Protein backbone atom coordinates (compact mmCIF):
# COMPACT_ATOMS: atom_id res chain seq x y z
CA MET A 1 -38.49 3.08 0.49
CA ARG A 2 -40.47 0.90 2.88
CA THR A 3 -38.80 -1.45 5.38
CA THR A 4 -39.87 -4.51 3.43
CA ASP A 5 -38.24 -3.04 0.32
CA VAL A 6 -34.98 -2.54 2.23
CA ARG A 7 -35.04 -6.14 3.48
CA ARG A 8 -35.64 -7.39 -0.02
CA HIS A 9 -32.51 -5.54 -1.22
CA LEU A 10 -30.13 -6.91 1.45
CA ARG A 11 -28.29 -10.17 1.15
CA ARG A 12 -25.92 -11.91 3.55
CA THR A 13 -22.52 -12.96 2.15
CA LYS A 14 -19.22 -14.02 3.67
CA HIS A 15 -18.30 -10.30 3.74
CA GLY A 16 -21.42 -9.32 5.72
CA TYR A 17 -24.60 -7.72 4.51
CA VAL A 18 -24.53 -6.19 1.06
CA GLN A 19 -26.97 -4.08 -0.82
CA VAL A 20 -28.36 -5.61 -3.99
CA ARG A 21 -29.84 -3.45 -6.67
CA ARG A 22 -31.35 -4.68 -9.85
CA HIS A 23 -28.82 -4.91 -12.71
CA GLU A 24 -25.93 -3.99 -10.38
CA ARG A 25 -23.27 -6.12 -8.79
CA LEU A 26 -23.13 -6.48 -5.02
CA VAL A 27 -22.11 -3.21 -3.35
CA PRO A 28 -20.77 -3.60 0.21
CA PHE A 29 -21.78 -1.17 2.94
CA ALA A 30 -18.07 -0.55 3.38
CA GLY A 31 -18.03 3.02 4.68
CA GLU A 32 -20.81 2.46 7.20
CA ARG A 33 -18.97 -0.36 8.97
CA GLY A 34 -15.41 1.00 9.01
CA VAL A 35 -14.29 -1.24 6.13
CA ALA A 36 -12.36 0.34 3.26
CA HIS A 37 -12.82 -1.11 -0.22
CA ALA A 38 -9.88 -1.08 -2.61
CA GLY A 39 -11.19 -2.40 -5.91
CA TYR A 40 -8.07 -2.39 -8.09
CA ARG A 41 -5.04 -4.70 -7.90
CA THR A 42 -1.55 -3.87 -9.12
CA ALA A 43 1.23 -6.47 -9.06
CA ILE A 44 4.80 -6.00 -10.27
CA ILE A 45 6.85 -9.17 -10.82
CA VAL A 46 10.44 -8.58 -9.68
CA PRO A 47 13.01 -10.92 -11.35
CA SER A 48 16.05 -12.39 -9.62
CA THR A 49 18.23 -12.26 -12.73
CA ASP A 50 20.28 -9.69 -14.60
CA HIS A 51 19.50 -10.51 -18.22
CA ASP A 52 20.04 -14.30 -18.01
CA ARG A 53 22.34 -14.55 -14.97
CA PRO A 54 21.16 -14.93 -11.35
CA ILE A 55 21.91 -11.98 -9.08
CA SER A 56 22.91 -12.10 -5.41
CA PRO A 57 20.16 -12.46 -2.79
CA GLU A 58 21.10 -9.02 -1.41
CA ARG A 59 20.69 -7.36 -4.79
CA PHE A 60 17.37 -9.16 -5.33
CA GLN A 61 16.13 -7.94 -1.93
CA ARG A 62 17.12 -4.36 -2.86
CA ARG A 63 15.01 -4.64 -6.03
CA VAL A 64 12.07 -5.97 -4.03
CA ALA A 65 12.44 -3.29 -1.32
CA GLU A 66 12.59 -0.53 -3.94
CA THR A 67 9.41 -1.85 -5.60
CA GLU A 68 7.64 -2.19 -2.23
CA ARG A 69 8.51 1.43 -1.41
CA PHE A 70 7.34 2.64 -4.82
CA LEU A 71 3.94 0.90 -4.61
CA SER A 72 3.50 2.02 -1.00
CA GLU A 73 4.06 5.64 -1.99
CA LYS A 74 1.73 5.40 -5.00
CA GLN A 75 -1.06 3.23 -3.58
CA GLY A 76 -0.64 3.13 0.18
CA GLY A 77 0.84 -0.31 0.86
CA PHE A 78 2.05 -3.62 -0.51
CA THR A 79 2.15 -7.38 -0.01
CA ASP A 80 5.27 -9.28 -1.05
CA VAL A 81 4.78 -12.84 -2.33
CA ASN A 82 7.79 -15.02 -3.15
CA ALA A 83 7.23 -17.13 -6.24
CA VAL A 84 8.86 -18.99 -9.09
CA GLY A 85 8.36 -17.68 -12.59
CA GLY A 86 9.13 -19.39 -15.86
CA TRP A 87 8.90 -19.32 -19.61
CA VAL A 88 9.91 -21.37 -22.64
CA GLU A 89 13.03 -19.94 -24.27
CA HIS A 90 12.59 -19.02 -27.92
CA GLU A 91 15.46 -16.59 -28.62
CA SER A 92 18.65 -18.37 -27.57
CA PRO A 93 19.67 -21.09 -30.06
CA LYS A 94 21.47 -22.96 -27.25
CA ASP A 95 18.39 -23.11 -24.97
CA LYS A 96 15.59 -22.98 -27.57
CA GLY A 97 12.49 -24.84 -26.35
CA ARG A 98 13.83 -25.27 -22.81
CA LEU A 99 11.69 -24.34 -19.79
CA ILE A 100 13.54 -21.63 -17.85
CA LYS A 101 12.60 -20.99 -14.20
CA GLU A 102 13.70 -18.24 -11.84
CA ARG A 103 12.93 -17.00 -8.36
CA THR A 104 10.69 -13.92 -8.41
CA ALA A 105 8.80 -11.71 -6.01
CA GLU A 106 5.30 -10.50 -6.73
CA VAL A 107 4.85 -7.10 -5.08
CA VAL A 108 1.10 -6.49 -4.86
CA SER A 109 -0.88 -3.39 -3.97
CA TYR A 110 -4.61 -2.71 -3.82
CA ALA A 111 -5.99 0.74 -4.48
CA THR A 112 -9.15 2.77 -4.85
CA ARG A 113 -10.32 4.18 -8.18
CA ALA A 114 -8.94 7.63 -7.25
CA GLN A 115 -5.50 6.22 -6.38
CA VAL A 116 -5.45 4.28 -9.65
CA ALA A 117 -6.31 7.36 -11.69
CA LYS A 118 -3.36 9.20 -10.16
CA SER A 119 -0.80 6.37 -10.27
CA LYS A 120 -1.34 4.16 -13.36
CA ALA A 121 0.94 6.14 -15.71
CA ASP A 122 3.65 6.34 -13.01
CA ILE A 123 3.48 2.57 -12.50
CA GLU A 124 3.84 1.90 -16.22
CA ARG A 125 6.84 4.28 -16.39
CA TYR A 126 8.39 2.57 -13.35
CA VAL A 127 8.06 -0.89 -14.93
CA ALA A 128 9.56 0.34 -18.25
CA GLU A 129 12.43 2.00 -16.39
CA LYS A 130 13.13 -1.13 -14.32
CA ARG A 131 13.04 -3.36 -17.41
CA ARG A 132 16.05 -1.43 -18.72
CA ALA A 133 17.81 -1.12 -15.35
CA TRP A 134 17.39 -4.83 -14.55
CA ARG A 135 18.46 -5.82 -18.10
CA GLN A 136 15.30 -7.80 -18.85
CA SER A 137 13.66 -8.47 -22.20
CA GLU A 138 10.34 -8.07 -20.33
CA VAL A 139 9.09 -7.18 -16.84
CA SER A 140 5.54 -8.24 -16.07
CA TYR A 141 2.92 -6.37 -14.15
CA GLU A 142 -0.78 -6.99 -13.53
CA PHE A 143 -3.36 -4.30 -13.33
CA GLY A 144 -7.10 -4.63 -13.01
CA LYS A 145 -10.25 -4.84 -10.98
CA ALA A 146 -10.16 -6.88 -7.81
CA ASP A 147 -11.84 -6.79 -4.43
CA LEU A 148 -9.86 -6.25 -1.26
CA TYR A 149 -11.55 -5.19 1.96
CA ARG A 150 -9.45 -3.62 4.72
CA VAL A 151 -11.05 -3.84 8.15
CA GLY A 152 -9.93 -0.93 10.32
CA ARG A 153 -10.26 0.25 13.92
CA LYS A 154 -13.70 1.69 13.28
CA TYR A 155 -15.11 -1.73 12.27
CA HIS A 156 -18.41 -2.74 13.81
CA GLU A 157 -20.78 -5.60 13.09
CA PRO A 158 -23.49 -4.95 10.51
CA LYS A 159 -26.96 -4.35 11.82
CA LYS A 160 -29.11 -7.46 11.92
CA VAL A 161 -31.90 -7.64 9.40
CA ILE A 162 -35.06 -9.20 10.78
CA ARG A 163 -36.55 -11.62 8.31
CA ARG A 164 -40.27 -12.39 8.53
């Protein structure tokens, strides 16, 4: 490939220079710059209730810590985001149609394709097990493609492309 062809296939984005190929999405030069790309996101929503009753803050933190440890072991790390979750009650005749809110924690992890292949079934089993243990009618989790870039110690600036 000639130099002009290389220049034509590079584009500057907020993440640095990326290679652009026809009919392909942008592919970062991650490995060359010391940036690791984790393209899959997993999030487990941890409830602060036991069935329909609030639990103590200590017990809630134990649930969150256990989920953080699990995702760290399976996918290498986590981010804990405190949130409020809610739904409209349909089952209880007393509360039917009422908006129910509860404190939750979203424990998020990003992983590579290889990590996902090894851990997806374990994550689904974990969520099913915790649904029973936490006495929930449902426990939510998210799983899918996402883009997270981890800049490590080996990071260096991309080479400048001279435009003519």
